Structures are given as C-alpha cells and as structure tokens.
PDB file of all heavy atoms in Angstrom:
ATOM      1  N   GLY A   1      58.559  59.601-217.326  1.00  0.00           N
ATOM      2  CA  GLY A   1      60.015  59.576-217.335  1.00  0.00           C
ATOM      3  C   GLY A   1      60.642  58.412-216.601  1.00  0.00           C
ATOM      4  O   GLY A   1      61.772  58.513-216.108  1.00  0.00           O
ATOM      5  N   VAL A   2      59.948  57.294-216.516  1.00  0.00           N
ATOM      6  CA  VAL A   2      60.453  56.144-215.764  1.00  0.00           C
ATOM      7  C   VAL A   2      61.622  55.489-216.497  1.00  0.00           C
ATOM      8  O   VAL A   2      61.561  55.250-217.701  1.00  0.00           O
ATOM      9  CB  VAL A   2      59.325  55.116-215.535  1.00  0.00           C
ATOM     10  CG1 VAL A   2      59.860  53.856-214.871  1.00  0.00           C
ATOM     11  CG2 VAL A   2      58.217  55.739-214.695  1.00  0.00           C
ATOM     12  N   THR A   3      62.675  55.212-215.766  1.00  0.00           N
ATOM     13  CA  THR A   3      63.788  54.429-216.304  1.00  0.00           C
ATOM     14  C   THR A   3      63.698  53.008-215.752  1.00  0.00           C
ATOM     15  O   THR A   3      63.227  52.792-214.636  1.00  0.00           O
ATOM     16  CB  THR A   3      65.147  55.055-215.926  1.00  0.00           C
ATOM     17  OG1 THR A   3      65.346  54.964-214.516  1.00  0.00           O
ATOM     18  CG2 THR A   3      65.207  56.514-216.340  1.00  0.00           C
ATOM     19  N   LEU A   4      64.171  52.043-216.534  1.00  0.00           N
ATOM     20  CA  LEU A   4      63.999  50.639-216.144  1.00  0.00           C
ATOM     21  C   LEU A   4      65.305  49.865-215.997  1.00  0.00           C
ATOM     22  O   LEU A   4      65.322  48.797-215.402  1.00  0.00           O
ATOM     23  CB  LEU A   4      63.111  49.912-217.163  1.00  0.00           C
ATOM     24  CG  LEU A   4      61.648  50.349-217.235  1.00  0.00           C
ATOM     25  CD1 LEU A   4      60.903  49.501-218.254  1.00  0.00           C
ATOM     26  CD2 LEU A   4      60.970  50.252-215.873  1.00  0.00           C
ATOM     27  N   HIS A   5      66.413  50.353-216.569  1.00  0.00           N
ATOM     28  CA  HIS A   5      67.678  49.609-216.542  1.00  0.00           C
ATOM     29  C   HIS A   5      67.501  48.258-217.242  1.00  0.00           C
ATOM     30  O   HIS A   5      67.708  47.195-216.641  1.00  0.00           O
ATOM     31  CB  HIS A   5      68.150  49.409-215.093  1.00  0.00           C
ATOM     32  CG  HIS A   5      69.635  49.329-214.955  1.00  0.00           C
ATOM     33  ND1 HIS A   5      70.253  48.977-213.776  1.00  0.00           N
ATOM     34  CD2 HIS A   5      70.639  49.558-215.834  1.00  0.00           C
ATOM     35  CE1 HIS A   5      71.555  48.996-213.928  1.00  0.00           C
ATOM     36  NE2 HIS A   5      71.819  49.348-215.162  1.00  0.00           N
ATOM     37  N   PRO A   6      67.138  48.273-218.525  1.00  0.00           N
ATOM     38  CA  PRO A   6      66.874  47.024-219.247  1.00  0.00           C
ATOM     39  C   PRO A   6      68.099  46.118-219.284  1.00  0.00           C
ATOM     40  O   PRO A   6      69.247  46.575-219.303  1.00  0.00           O
ATOM     41  CB  PRO A   6      66.508  47.502-220.659  1.00  0.00           C
ATOM     42  CG  PRO A   6      66.098  48.924-220.485  1.00  0.00           C
ATOM     43  CD  PRO A   6      66.935  49.445-219.371  1.00  0.00           C
ATOM     44  N   ALA A   7      67.843  44.816-219.325  1.00  0.00           N
ATOM     45  CA  ALA A   7      68.926  43.833-219.273  1.00  0.00           C
ATOM     46  C   ALA A   7      68.659  42.684-220.231  1.00  0.00           C
ATOM     47  O   ALA A   7      67.506  42.359-220.541  1.00  0.00           O
ATOM     48  CB  ALA A   7      69.076  43.299-217.847  1.00  0.00           C
ATOM     49  N   VAL A   8      69.743  42.064-220.700  1.00  0.00           N
ATOM     50  CA  VAL A   8      69.687  40.839-221.484  1.00  0.00           C
ATOM     51  C   VAL A   8      70.734  39.879-220.936  1.00  0.00           C
ATOM     52  O   VAL A   8      71.622  40.267-220.186  1.00  0.00           O
ATOM     53  CB  VAL A   8      69.954  41.093-222.983  1.00  0.00           C
ATOM     54  CG1 VAL A   8      68.824  41.872-223.619  1.00  0.00           C
ATOM     55  CG2 VAL A   8      71.296  41.815-223.180  1.00  0.00           C
ATOM     56  N   ARG A   9      70.617  38.621-221.332  1.00  0.00           N
ATOM     57  CA  ARG A   9      71.623  37.646-220.937  1.00  0.00           C
ATOM     58  C   ARG A   9      71.804  36.622-222.045  1.00  0.00           C
ATOM     59  O   ARG A   9      70.945  36.460-222.917  1.00  0.00           O
ATOM     60  CB  ARG A   9      71.226  36.944-219.626  1.00  0.00           C
ATOM     61  CG  ARG A   9      69.869  36.240-219.689  1.00  0.00           C
ATOM     62  CD  ARG A   9      70.036  34.763-219.853  1.00  0.00           C
ATOM     63  NE  ARG A   9      68.748  34.080-219.941  1.00  0.00           N
ATOM     64  CZ  ARG A   9      68.191  33.710-221.091  1.00  0.00           C
ATOM     65  NH1 ARG A   9      68.761  34.010-222.237  1.00  0.00           N
ATOM     66  NH2 ARG A   9      67.044  33.053-221.103  1.00  0.00           N
ATOM     67  N   VAL A  10      72.946  35.956-222.036  1.00  0.00           N
ATOM     68  CA  VAL A  10      73.170  34.844-222.954  1.00  0.00           C
ATOM     69  C   VAL A  10      73.497  33.601-222.139  1.00  0.00           C
ATOM     70  O   VAL A  10      74.009  33.688-221.012  1.00  0.00           O
ATOM     71  CB  VAL A  10      74.311  35.116-223.964  1.00  0.00           C
ATOM     72  CG1 VAL A  10      74.043  36.380-224.762  1.00  0.00           C
ATOM     73  CG2 VAL A  10      75.664  35.179-223.272  1.00  0.00           C
ATOM     74  N   VAL A  11      73.176  32.448-222.705  1.00  0.00           N
ATOM     75  CA  VAL A  11      73.532  31.157-222.126  1.00  0.00           C
ATOM     76  C   VAL A  11      74.448  30.466-223.125  1.00  0.00           C
ATOM     77  O   VAL A  11      74.104  30.334-224.306  1.00  0.00           O
ATOM     78  CB  VAL A  11      72.283  30.290-221.862  1.00  0.00           C
ATOM     79  CG1 VAL A  11      72.685  28.938-221.278  1.00  0.00           C
ATOM     80  CG2 VAL A  11      71.325  31.009-220.915  1.00  0.00           C
ATOM     81  N   ALA A  12      75.618  30.042-222.661  1.00  0.00           N
ATOM     82  CA  ALA A  12      76.614  29.440-223.550  1.00  0.00           C
ATOM     83  C   ALA A  12      76.886  27.997-223.143  1.00  0.00           C
ATOM     84  O   ALA A  12      77.103  27.710-221.963  1.00  0.00           O
ATOM     85  CB  ALA A  12      77.907  30.245-223.506  1.00  0.00           C
ATOM     86  N   ARG A  13      76.873  27.086-224.134  1.00  0.00           N
ATOM     87  CA  ARG A  13      77.114  25.671-223.846  1.00  0.00           C
ATOM     88  C   ARG A  13      78.564  25.292-224.134  1.00  0.00           C
ATOM     89  O   ARG A  13      79.110  25.595-225.204  1.00  0.00           O
ATOM     90  CB  ARG A  13      76.182  24.779-224.675  1.00  0.00           C
ATOM     91  CG  ARG A  13      76.374  23.283-224.395  1.00  0.00           C
ATOM     92  CD  ARG A  13      75.398  22.442-225.181  1.00  0.00           C
ATOM     93  NE  ARG A  13      75.572  22.572-226.616  1.00  0.00           N
ATOM     94  CZ  ARG A  13      76.522  21.960-227.341  1.00  0.00           C
ATOM     95  NH1 ARG A  13      77.420  21.172-226.727  1.00  0.00           N
ATOM     96  NH2 ARG A  13      76.584  22.128-228.644  1.00  0.00           N
ATOM     97  N   PHE A  14      79.168  24.616-223.169  1.00  0.00           N
ATOM     98  CA  PHE A  14      80.550  24.154-223.287  1.00  0.00           C
ATOM     99  C   PHE A  14      80.580  22.620-223.316  1.00  0.00           C
ATOM    100  O   PHE A  14      79.560  21.962-223.122  1.00  0.00           O
ATOM    101  CB  PHE A  14      81.386  24.695-222.126  1.00  0.00           C
ATOM    102  CG  PHE A  14      81.577  26.194-222.176  1.00  0.00           C
ATOM    103  CD1 PHE A  14      80.617  27.058-221.666  1.00  0.00           C
ATOM    104  CD2 PHE A  14      82.718  26.742-222.748  1.00  0.00           C
ATOM    105  CE1 PHE A  14      80.784  28.437-221.722  1.00  0.00           C
ATOM    106  CE2 PHE A  14      82.896  28.119-222.808  1.00  0.00           C
ATOM    107  CZ  PHE A  14      81.923  28.965-222.301  1.00  0.00           C
ATOM    108  N   ASP A  15      81.777  22.072-223.515  1.00  0.00           N
ATOM    109  CA  ASP A  15      81.922  20.614-223.564  1.00  0.00           C
ATOM    110  C   ASP A  15      82.015  19.990-222.184  1.00  0.00           C
ATOM    111  O   ASP A  15      81.640  18.821-221.995  1.00  0.00           O
ATOM    112  CB  ASP A  15      83.174  20.240-224.367  1.00  0.00           C
ATOM    113  CG  ASP A  15      83.002  20.464-225.857  1.00  0.00           C
ATOM    114  OD1 ASP A  15      81.839  20.434-226.319  1.00  0.00           O
ATOM    115  OD2 ASP A  15      84.019  20.683-226.544  1.00  0.00           O
ATOM    116  N   ASP A  16      82.522  20.747-221.224  1.00  0.00           N
ATOM    117  CA  ASP A  16      82.761  20.185-219.894  1.00  0.00           C
ATOM    118  C   ASP A  16      81.743  20.703-218.893  1.00  0.00           C
ATOM    119  O   ASP A  16      81.106  21.750-219.096  1.00  0.00           O
ATOM    120  CB  ASP A  16      84.183  20.514-219.419  1.00  0.00           C
ATOM    121  CG  ASP A  16      84.468  22.002-219.445  1.00  0.00           C
ATOM    122  OD1 ASP A  16      84.001  22.691-220.389  1.00  0.00           O
ATOM    123  OD2 ASP A  16      85.144  22.511-218.530  1.00  0.00           O
ATOM    124  N   ALA A  17      81.599  19.983-217.792  1.00  0.00           N
ATOM    125  CA  ALA A  17      80.648  20.373-216.747  1.00  0.00           C
ATOM    126  C   ALA A  17      81.170  21.583-215.982  1.00  0.00           C
ATOM    127  O   ALA A  17      82.340  21.642-215.589  1.00  0.00           O
ATOM    128  CB  ALA A  17      80.412  19.216-215.791  1.00  0.00           C
ATOM    129  N   LEU A  18      80.290  22.571-215.763  1.00  0.00           N
ATOM    130  CA  LEU A  18      80.627  23.780-215.022  1.00  0.00           C
ATOM    131  C   LEU A  18      79.846  23.896-213.720  1.00  0.00           C
ATOM    132  O   LEU A  18      80.299  24.530-212.772  1.00  0.00           O
ATOM    133  CB  LEU A  18      80.352  25.012-215.896  1.00  0.00           C
ATOM    134  CG  LEU A  18      81.170  25.119-217.182  1.00  0.00           C
ATOM    135  CD1 LEU A  18      80.672  26.289-218.021  1.00  0.00           C
ATOM    136  CD2 LEU A  18      82.638  25.281-216.869  1.00  0.00           C
ATOM    137  N   ASN A  19      78.647  23.312-213.696  1.00  0.00           N
ATOM    138  CA  ASN A  19      77.799  23.365-212.496  1.00  0.00           C
ATOM    139  C   ASN A  19      77.723  24.796-211.946  1.00  0.00           C
ATOM    140  O   ASN A  19      78.079  25.079-210.806  1.00  0.00           O
ATOM    141  CB  ASN A  19      78.339  22.417-211.424  1.00  0.00           C
ATOM    142  CG  ASN A  19      78.334  20.968-211.864  1.00  0.00           C
ATOM    143  OD1 ASN A  19      77.579  20.586-212.768  1.00  0.00           O
ATOM    144  ND2 ASN A  19      79.175  20.141-211.258  1.00  0.00           N
ATOM    145  N   GLY A  20      77.230  25.683-212.798  1.00  0.00           N
ATOM    146  CA  GLY A  20      77.223  27.104-212.475  1.00  0.00           C
ATOM    147  C   GLY A  20      76.427  27.494-211.251  1.00  0.00           C
ATOM    148  O   GLY A  20      76.576  28.616-210.745  1.00  0.00           O
ATOM    149  N   TRP A  21      75.592  26.609-210.763  1.00  0.00           N
ATOM    150  CA  TRP A  21      74.820  26.897-209.549  1.00  0.00           C
ATOM    151  C   TRP A  21      75.682  26.819-208.293  1.00  0.00           C
ATOM    152  O   TRP A  21      75.236  27.214-207.220  1.00  0.00           O
ATOM    153  CB  TRP A  21      73.661  25.904-209.440  1.00  0.00           C
ATOM    154  CG  TRP A  21      74.108  24.465-209.522  1.00  0.00           C
ATOM    155  CD1 TRP A  21      74.631  23.699-208.537  1.00  0.00           C
ATOM    156  CD2 TRP A  21      74.086  23.623-210.689  1.00  0.00           C
ATOM    157  NE1 TRP A  21      74.935  22.439-208.984  1.00  0.00           N
ATOM    158  CE2 TRP A  21      74.611  22.361-210.308  1.00  0.00           C
ATOM    159  CE3 TRP A  21      73.673  23.815-212.006  1.00  0.00           C
ATOM    160  CZ2 TRP A  21      74.730  21.299-211.204  1.00  0.00           C
ATOM    161  CZ3 TRP A  21      73.790  22.755-212.894  1.00  0.00           C
ATOM    162  CH2 TRP A  21      74.311  21.517-212.495  1.00  0.00           C
ATOM    163  N   ASP A  22      76.873  26.315-208.424  1.00  0.00           N
ATOM    164  CA  ASP A  22      77.763  26.165-207.272  1.00  0.00           C
ATOM    165  C   ASP A  22      78.667  27.394-207.176  1.00  0.00           C
ATOM    166  O   ASP A  22      79.746  27.444-207.759  1.00  0.00           O
ATOM    167  CB  ASP A  22      78.601  24.895-207.425  1.00  0.00           C
ATOM    168  CG  ASP A  22      79.448  24.595-206.195  1.00  0.00           C
ATOM    169  OD1 ASP A  22      79.270  25.283-205.178  1.00  0.00           O
ATOM    170  OD2 ASP A  22      80.287  23.689-206.261  1.00  0.00           O
ATOM    171  N   GLY A  23      78.204  28.407-206.449  1.00  0.00           N
ATOM    172  CA  GLY A  23      78.930  29.660-206.326  1.00  0.00           C
ATOM    173  C   GLY A  23      77.959  30.809-206.162  1.00  0.00           C
ATOM    174  O   GLY A  23      76.735  30.633-206.212  1.00  0.00           O
ATOM    175  N   ALA A  24      78.498  32.000-205.959  1.00  0.00           N
ATOM    176  CA  ALA A  24      77.647  33.177-205.807  1.00  0.00           C
ATOM    177  C   ALA A  24      76.865  33.430-207.088  1.00  0.00           C
ATOM    178  O   ALA A  24      77.402  33.298-208.196  1.00  0.00           O
ATOM    179  CB  ALA A  24      78.504  34.395-205.467  1.00  0.00           C
ATOM    180  N   LEU A  25      75.597  33.792-206.942  1.00  0.00           N
ATOM    181  CA  LEU A  25      74.763  34.068-208.107  1.00  0.00           C
ATOM    182  C   LEU A  25      75.364  35.198-208.939  1.00  0.00           C
ATOM    183  O   LEU A  25      75.365  35.154-210.164  1.00  0.00           O
ATOM    184  CB  LEU A  25      73.344  34.417-207.658  1.00  0.00           C
ATOM    185  CG  LEU A  25      72.313  34.668-208.757  1.00  0.00           C
ATOM    186  CD1 LEU A  25      70.985  34.047-208.391  1.00  0.00           C
ATOM    187  CD2 LEU A  25      72.120  36.170-208.992  1.00  0.00           C
ATOM    188  N   GLN A  26      75.869  36.236-208.282  1.00  0.00           N
ATOM    189  CA  GLN A  26      76.526  37.352-208.959  1.00  0.00           C
ATOM    190  C   GLN A  26      77.823  37.661-208.218  1.00  0.00           C
ATOM    191  O   GLN A  26      77.807  37.852-207.000  1.00  0.00           O
ATOM    192  CB  GLN A  26      75.625  38.588-208.981  1.00  0.00           C
ATOM    193  CG  GLN A  26      74.374  38.400-209.833  1.00  0.00           C
ATOM    194  CD  GLN A  26      73.461  39.598-209.750  1.00  0.00           C
ATOM    195  OE1 GLN A  26      72.751  39.785-208.777  1.00  0.00           O
ATOM    196  NE2 GLN A  26      73.476  40.423-210.791  1.00  0.00           N
ATOM    197  N   SER A  27      78.932  37.727-208.951  1.00  0.00           N
ATOM    198  CA  SER A  27      80.212  37.941-208.274  1.00  0.00           C
ATOM    199  C   SER A  27      81.150  38.902-208.986  1.00  0.00           C
ATOM    200  O   SER A  27      82.086  39.399-208.373  1.00  0.00           O
ATOM    201  CB  SER A  27      80.934  36.595-208.070  1.00  0.00           C
ATOM    202  OG  SER A  27      81.131  35.938-209.316  1.00  0.00           O
ATOM    203  N   VAL A  28      80.931  39.166-210.287  1.00  0.00           N
ATOM    204  CA  VAL A  28      81.828  40.054-211.023  1.00  0.00           C
ATOM    205  C   VAL A  28      81.025  40.984-211.926  1.00  0.00           C
ATOM    206  O   VAL A  28      79.865  40.711-212.252  1.00  0.00           O
ATOM    207  CB  VAL A  28      82.837  39.276-211.893  1.00  0.00           C
ATOM    208  CG1 VAL A  28      83.704  38.350-211.051  1.00  0.00           C
ATOM    209  CG2 VAL A  28      82.135  38.486-212.991  1.00  0.00           C
ATOM    210  N   TYR A  29      81.668  42.068-212.325  1.00  0.00           N
ATOM    211  CA  TYR A  29      81.075  42.986-213.302  1.00  0.00           C
ATOM    212  C   TYR A  29      82.193  43.659-214.080  1.00  0.00           C
ATOM    213  O   TYR A  29      83.370  43.596-213.697  1.00  0.00           O
ATOM    214  CB  TYR A  29      80.206  44.041-212.616  1.00  0.00           C
ATOM    215  CG  TYR A  29      80.981  45.164-211.956  1.00  0.00           C
ATOM    216  CD1 TYR A  29      81.118  46.406-212.595  1.00  0.00           C
ATOM    217  CD2 TYR A  29      81.601  44.991-210.721  1.00  0.00           C
ATOM    218  CE1 TYR A  29      81.833  47.434-211.998  1.00  0.00           C
ATOM    219  CE2 TYR A  29      82.308  46.016-210.125  1.00  0.00           C
ATOM    220  CZ  TYR A  29      82.421  47.244-210.767  1.00  0.00           C
ATOM    221  OH  TYR A  29      83.135  48.266-210.182  1.00  0.00           O
ATOM    222  N   SER A  30      81.825  44.318-215.160  1.00  0.00           N
ATOM    223  CA  SER A  30      82.775  45.114-215.924  1.00  0.00           C
ATOM    224  C   SER A  30      82.133  46.428-216.334  1.00  0.00           C
ATOM    225  O   SER A  30      81.010  46.442-216.847  1.00  0.00           O
ATOM    226  CB  SER A  30      83.235  44.372-217.187  1.00  0.00           C
ATOM    227  OG  SER A  30      84.110  45.189-217.948  1.00  0.00           O
ATOM    228  N   ASP A  31      82.860  47.522-216.090  1.00  0.00           N
ATOM    229  CA  ASP A  31      82.411  48.830-216.558  1.00  0.00           C
ATOM    230  C   ASP A  31      83.222  49.268-217.782  1.00  0.00           C
ATOM    231  O   ASP A  31      83.298  50.452-218.112  1.00  0.00           O
ATOM    232  CB  ASP A  31      82.502  49.873-215.447  1.00  0.00           C
ATOM    233  CG  ASP A  31      83.894  49.952-214.816  1.00  0.00           C
ATOM    234  OD1 ASP A  31      84.846  49.377-215.378  1.00  0.00           O
ATOM    235  OD2 ASP A  31      84.027  50.605-213.759  1.00  0.00           O
ATOM    236  N   HIS A  32      83.822  48.292-218.473  1.00  0.00           N
ATOM    237  CA  HIS A  32      84.662  48.566-219.636  1.00  0.00           C
ATOM    238  C   HIS A  32      83.891  49.310-220.726  1.00  0.00           C
ATOM    239  O   HIS A  32      84.481  50.105-221.485  1.00  0.00           O
ATOM    240  CB  HIS A  32      85.197  47.237-220.194  1.00  0.00           C
ATOM    241  CG  HIS A  32      86.191  47.377-221.303  1.00  0.00           C
ATOM    242  ND1 HIS A  32      87.429  47.953-221.132  1.00  0.00           N
ATOM    243  CD2 HIS A  32      86.119  47.010-222.622  1.00  0.00           C
ATOM    244  CE1 HIS A  32      88.095  47.930-222.281  1.00  0.00           C
ATOM    245  NE2 HIS A  32      87.317  47.372-223.198  1.00  0.00           N
ATOM    246  N   PHE A  33      82.592  49.070-220.814  1.00  0.00           N
ATOM    247  CA  PHE A  33      81.777  49.688-221.856  1.00  0.00           C
ATOM    248  C   PHE A  33      80.853  50.772-221.287  1.00  0.00           C
ATOM    249  O   PHE A  33      79.822  51.090-221.891  1.00  0.00           O
ATOM    250  CB  PHE A  33      80.946  48.617-222.571  1.00  0.00           C
ATOM    251  CG  PHE A  33      81.769  47.573-223.268  1.00  0.00           C
ATOM    252  CD1 PHE A  33      82.052  46.362-222.642  1.00  0.00           C
ATOM    253  CD2 PHE A  33      82.289  47.799-224.532  1.00  0.00           C
ATOM    254  CE1 PHE A  33      82.819  45.389-223.273  1.00  0.00           C
ATOM    255  CE2 PHE A  33      83.056  46.834-225.175  1.00  0.00           C
ATOM    256  CZ  PHE A  33      83.330  45.627-224.540  1.00  0.00           C
ATOM    257  N   ASP A  34      81.219  51.342-220.166  1.00  0.00           N
ATOM    258  CA  ASP A  34      80.373  52.377-219.568  1.00  0.00           C
ATOM    259  C   ASP A  34      80.153  53.563-220.506  1.00  0.00           C
ATOM    260  O   ASP A  34      79.086  54.188-220.492  1.00  0.00           O
ATOM    261  CB  ASP A  34      80.988  52.872-218.253  1.00  0.00           C
ATOM    262  CG  ASP A  34      80.455  52.098-217.049  1.00  0.00           C
ATOM    263  OD1 ASP A  34      79.773  51.077-217.252  1.00  0.00           O
ATOM    264  OD2 ASP A  34      80.716  52.519-215.905  1.00  0.00           O
ATOM    265  N   ALA A  35      81.157  53.900-221.299  1.00  0.00           N
ATOM    266  CA  ALA A  35      81.000  55.015-222.237  1.00  0.00           C
ATOM    267  C   ALA A  35      79.903  54.739-223.252  1.00  0.00           C
ATOM    268  O   ALA A  35      79.320  55.677-223.819  1.00  0.00           O
ATOM    269  CB  ALA A  35      82.325  55.286-222.952  1.00  0.00           C
ATOM    270  N   GLU A  36      79.601  53.476-223.479  1.00  0.00           N
ATOM    271  CA  GLU A  36      78.516  53.085-224.378  1.00  0.00           C
ATOM    272  C   GLU A  36      77.216  52.835-223.621  1.00  0.00           C
ATOM    273  O   GLU A  36      76.221  52.391-224.218  1.00  0.00           O
ATOM    274  CB  GLU A  36      78.898  51.822-225.155  1.00  0.00           C
ATOM    275  CG  GLU A  36      80.117  51.962-226.042  1.00  0.00           C
ATOM    276  CD  GLU A  36      80.433  50.679-226.793  1.00  0.00           C
ATOM    277  OE1 GLU A  36      79.504  50.116-227.422  1.00  0.00           O
ATOM    278  OE2 GLU A  36      81.589  50.225-226.752  1.00  0.00           O
ATOM    279  N   GLY A  37      77.217  53.071-222.307  1.00  0.00           N
ATOM    280  CA  GLY A  37      76.017  52.843-221.517  1.00  0.00           C
ATOM    281  C   GLY A  37      75.735  51.394-221.238  1.00  0.00           C
ATOM    282  O   GLY A  37      74.580  51.018-221.000  1.00  0.00           O
ATOM    283  N   ILE A  38      76.776  50.551-221.234  1.00  0.00           N
ATOM    284  CA  ILE A  38      76.609  49.111-221.040  1.00  0.00           C
ATOM    285  C   ILE A  38      77.442  48.655-219.849  1.00  0.00           C
ATOM    286  O   ILE A  38      78.624  48.965-219.764  1.00  0.00           O
ATOM    287  CB  ILE A  38      77.060  48.335-222.299  1.00  0.00           C
ATOM    288  CG1 ILE A  38      76.183  48.700-223.502  1.00  0.00           C
ATOM    289  CG2 ILE A  38      77.036  46.830-222.052  1.00  0.00           C
ATOM    290  CD1 ILE A  38      76.711  48.175-224.823  1.00  0.00           C
ATOM    291  N   LYS A  39      76.818  47.920-218.948  1.00  0.00           N
ATOM    292  CA  LYS A  39      77.537  47.308-217.836  1.00  0.00           C
ATOM    293  C   LYS A  39      77.332  45.800-217.922  1.00  0.00           C
ATOM    294  O   LYS A  39      76.202  45.317-218.042  1.00  0.00           O
ATOM    295  CB  LYS A  39      77.045  47.829-216.484  1.00  0.00           C
ATOM    296  CG  LYS A  39      77.951  47.429-215.313  1.00  0.00           C
ATOM    297  CD  LYS A  39      77.495  48.068-214.012  1.00  0.00           C
ATOM    298  CE  LYS A  39      77.588  49.571-214.042  1.00  0.00           C
ATOM    299  NZ  LYS A  39      78.987  50.071-214.143  1.00  0.00           N
ATOM    300  N   LEU A  40      78.431  45.060-217.868  1.00  0.00           N
ATOM    301  CA  LEU A  40      78.378  43.603-217.908  1.00  0.00           C
ATOM    302  C   LEU A  40      78.353  43.063-216.485  1.00  0.00           C
ATOM    303  O   LEU A  40      79.104  43.532-215.627  1.00  0.00           O
ATOM    304  CB  LEU A  40      79.596  43.045-218.647  1.00  0.00           C
ATOM    305  CG  LEU A  40      79.893  43.627-220.033  1.00  0.00           C
ATOM    306  CD1 LEU A  40      81.143  42.994-220.621  1.00  0.00           C
ATOM    307  CD2 LEU A  40      78.700  43.438-220.963  1.00  0.00           C
ATOM    308  N   VAL A  41      77.504  42.066-216.238  1.00  0.00           N
ATOM    309  CA  VAL A  41      77.352  41.528-214.891  1.00  0.00           C
ATOM    310  C   VAL A  41      77.251  40.013-214.956  1.00  0.00           C
ATOM    311  O   VAL A  41      76.415  39.455-215.682  1.00  0.00           O
ATOM    312  CB  VAL A  41      76.092  42.091-214.190  1.00  0.00           C
ATOM    313  CG1 VAL A  41      76.003  41.574-212.764  1.00  0.00           C
ATOM    314  CG2 VAL A  41      76.093  43.610-214.198  1.00  0.00           C
TER     315      VAL A  41
END
C-alpha cells in the first residue's frame, strides 16, 4: 500500500533571459485543482 506522490514537470522556452536559478528553488504553489488530486508547485 505504498504511496509515492508522483510528480511531473515541464520546461518552457521564452525569448528573453529569465535566469531561473536566481531565486528560491520553490516559492509558490496552487491547490486550484485539489479536487482533481493535482497540486501545482
């Protein structure tokens, strides 16, 4: 009965520099889809 909390991610390319490494690794989330069992992070 082990649960794992499976996760996926996407990488999106933009035209301008974002330098995403400059900032907290994780800072926001959304529980908007909690009824569907999905949490965005």
